[in-house]
Amino acid sequence: MSTCNFNINFSGSAEEILAKAKSAVESQGGSFIGDTLAGNFNVSLMSNTVSGTYLVAGNQLQLTIIEKPIFVPCNAIESYLVKKLS
């Protein structure tokens, strides 16, 4: 299984973007663990797991998706996250 790597630029503070990310993940029954520098998350999607890690570098959220359903392309995950975090 291949990983997905993408960056999401944000304005405001790391606390604000991570609060949005945590809310989005936890609203789907997932877990979001970390701080304003780095962490990890996982959530179920159609009975499959999506999990990954994040790093905050300035005003950029660097995401690595480690596990995802094979039928879900990386760009679909990226589009979903950009929409939820904007």
C-alpha atoms as a PDB file:
ATOM      1  CA  MET A   1       0.000   0.000   0.000  1.00  0.00           C
ATOM      2  CA  SER A   2       1.380   3.379  -0.974  1.00  0.00           C
ATOM      3  CA  THR A   3       1.389   6.390   1.281  1.00  0.00           C
ATOM      4  CA  CYS A   4      -0.048   9.800   0.446  1.00  0.00           C
ATOM      5  CA  ASN A   5       1.856  12.978   1.221  1.00  0.00           C
ATOM      6  CA  PHE A   6       0.455  16.457   0.884  1.00  0.00           C
ATOM      7  CA  ASN A   7       0.645  19.888   2.467  1.00  0.00           C
ATOM      8  CA  ILE A   8      -2.181  22.196   3.446  1.00  0.00           C
ATOM      9  CA  ASN A   9      -1.367  25.869   3.885  1.00  0.00           C
ATOM     10  CA  PHE A  10      -3.334  27.672   6.554  1.00  0.00           C
ATOM     11  CA  SER A  11      -3.731  31.145   7.995  1.00  0.00           C
ATOM     12  CA  GLY A  12      -4.103  31.731  11.677  1.00  0.00           C
ATOM     13  CA  SER A  13      -2.521  29.660  14.391  1.00  0.00           C
ATOM     14  CA  ALA A  14      -1.557  26.007  14.523  1.00  0.00           C
ATOM     15  CA  GLU A  15      -3.969  25.621  17.429  1.00  0.00           C
ATOM     16  CA  GLU A  16      -6.877  26.743  15.235  1.00  0.00           C
ATOM     17  CA  ILE A  17      -6.153  24.428  12.292  1.00  0.00           C
ATOM     18  CA  LEU A  18      -5.485  21.479  14.586  1.00  0.00           C
ATOM     19  CA  ALA A  19      -8.723  22.105  16.493  1.00  0.00           C
ATOM     20  CA  LYS A  20     -10.574  21.899  13.152  1.00  0.00           C
ATOM     21  CA  ALA A  21      -8.700  18.725  12.217  1.00  0.00           C
ATOM     22  CA  LYS A  22      -9.387  17.127  15.585  1.00  0.00           C
ATOM     23  CA  SER A  23     -13.072  18.008  15.383  1.00  0.00           C
ATOM     24  CA  ALA A  24     -13.374  16.577  11.853  1.00  0.00           C
ATOM     25  CA  VAL A  25     -11.679  13.303  12.826  1.00  0.00           C
ATOM     26  CA  GLU A  26     -13.489  12.867  16.138  1.00  0.00           C
ATOM     27  CA  SER A  27     -16.888  13.682  14.595  1.00  0.00           C
ATOM     28  CA  GLN A  28     -16.377  10.561  12.472  1.00  0.00           C
ATOM     29  CA  GLY A  29     -15.515   8.452  15.528  1.00  0.00           C
ATOM     30  CA  GLY A  30     -11.764   8.627  15.020  1.00  0.00           C
ATOM     31  CA  SER A  31      -8.877   9.613  17.248  1.00  0.00           C
ATOM     32  CA  PHE A  32      -6.538  12.576  16.929  1.00  0.00           C
ATOM     33  CA  ILE A  33      -3.494  12.656  19.199  1.00  0.00           C
ATOM     34  CA  GLY A  34      -0.713  15.219  19.199  1.00  0.00           C
ATOM     35  CA  ASP A  35       0.287  18.775  19.866  1.00  0.00           C
ATOM     36  CA  THR A  36       1.007  21.926  17.853  1.00  0.00           C
ATOM     37  CA  LEU A  37       4.110  20.358  16.314  1.00  0.00           C
ATOM     38  CA  ALA A  38       3.202  16.779  15.383  1.00  0.00           C
ATOM     39  CA  GLY A  39       0.831  13.914  15.965  1.00  0.00           C
ATOM     40  CA  ASN A  40      -1.219  11.141  14.440  1.00  0.00           C
ATOM     41  CA  PHE A  41      -4.815  10.314  13.636  1.00  0.00           C
ATOM     42  CA  ASN A  42      -7.029   7.468  12.499  1.00  0.00           C
ATOM     43  CA  VAL A  43     -10.646   7.200  11.459  1.00  0.00           C
ATOM     44  CA  SER A  44     -12.901   4.570   9.907  1.00  0.00           C
ATOM     45  CA  LEU A  45     -14.100   5.152   6.373  1.00  0.00           C
ATOM     46  CA  MET A  46     -16.619   2.680   4.979  1.00  0.00           C
ATOM     47  CA  SER A  47     -15.397  -0.034   7.377  1.00  0.00           C
ATOM     48  CA  ASN A  48     -11.777   0.679   6.447  1.00  0.00           C
ATOM     49  CA  THR A  49      -9.155   2.641   8.329  1.00  0.00           C
ATOM     50  CA  VAL A  50      -7.549   5.887   7.252  1.00  0.00           C
ATOM     51  CA  SER A  51      -4.558   6.693   9.432  1.00  0.00           C
ATOM     52  CA  GLY A  52      -1.670   9.044   9.228  1.00  0.00           C
ATOM     53  CA  THR A  53       0.612  11.563  10.815  1.00  0.00           C
ATOM     54  CA  TYR A  54       0.951  15.325  10.712  1.00  0.00           C
ATOM     55  CA  LEU A  55       3.689  17.876  11.197  1.00  0.00           C
ATOM     56  CA  VAL A  56       3.250  21.618  11.526  1.00  0.00           C
ATOM     57  CA  ALA A  57       5.902  23.681   9.751  1.00  0.00           C
ATOM     58  CA  GLY A  58       5.156  27.387   9.986  1.00  0.00           C
ATOM     59  CA  ASN A  59       1.751  27.873   8.385  1.00  0.00           C
ATOM     60  CA  GLN A  60       1.761  24.531   6.645  1.00  0.00           C
ATOM     61  CA  LEU A  61       0.205  21.282   7.809  1.00  0.00           C
ATOM     62  CA  GLN A  62       2.229  18.399   6.369  1.00  0.00           C
ATOM     63  CA  LEU A  63       0.166  15.213   6.204  1.00  0.00           C
ATOM     64  CA  THR A  64       1.232  11.639   5.523  1.00  0.00           C
ATOM     65  CA  ILE A  65      -1.518   9.079   5.050  1.00  0.00           C
ATOM     66  CA  ILE A  66      -0.050   5.723   6.076  1.00  0.00           C
ATOM     67  CA  GLU A  67      -3.120   3.512   5.722  1.00  0.00           C
ATOM     68  CA  LYS A  68      -6.165   3.967   3.497  1.00  0.00           C
ATOM     69  CA  PRO A  69      -8.629   1.888   1.498  1.00  0.00           C
ATOM     70  CA  ILE A  70      -7.070   0.897  -1.820  1.00  0.00           C
ATOM     71  CA  PHE A  71     -10.095   2.219  -3.725  1.00  0.00           C
ATOM     72  CA  VAL A  72      -9.771   5.753  -2.281  1.00  0.00           C
ATOM     73  CA  PRO A  73      -7.212   7.849  -4.192  1.00  0.00           C
ATOM     74  CA  CYS A  74      -4.877  10.218  -2.373  1.00  0.00           C
ATOM     75  CA  ASN A  75      -6.316  13.263  -4.135  1.00  0.00           C
ATOM     76  CA  ALA A  76      -9.809  12.419  -2.808  1.00  0.00           C
ATOM     77  CA  ILE A  77      -8.459  12.388   0.754  1.00  0.00           C
ATOM     78  CA  GLU A  78      -6.580  15.630   0.156  1.00  0.00           C
ATOM     79  CA  SER A  79      -9.672  17.343  -1.309  1.00  0.00           C
ATOM     80  CA  TYR A  80     -11.806  16.215   1.633  1.00  0.00           C
ATOM     81  CA  LEU A  81      -9.290  17.504   4.184  1.00  0.00           C
ATOM     82  CA  VAL A  82      -8.779  20.838   2.437  1.00  0.00           C
ATOM     83  CA  LYS A  83     -12.562  21.331   2.420  1.00  0.00           C
ATOM     84  CA  LYS A  84     -12.909  20.418   6.107  1.00  0.00           C
ATOM     85  CA  LEU A  85      -9.968  22.544   7.236  1.00  0.00           C
ATOM     86  CA  SER A  86     -10.693  25.688   5.195  1.00  0.00           C
END
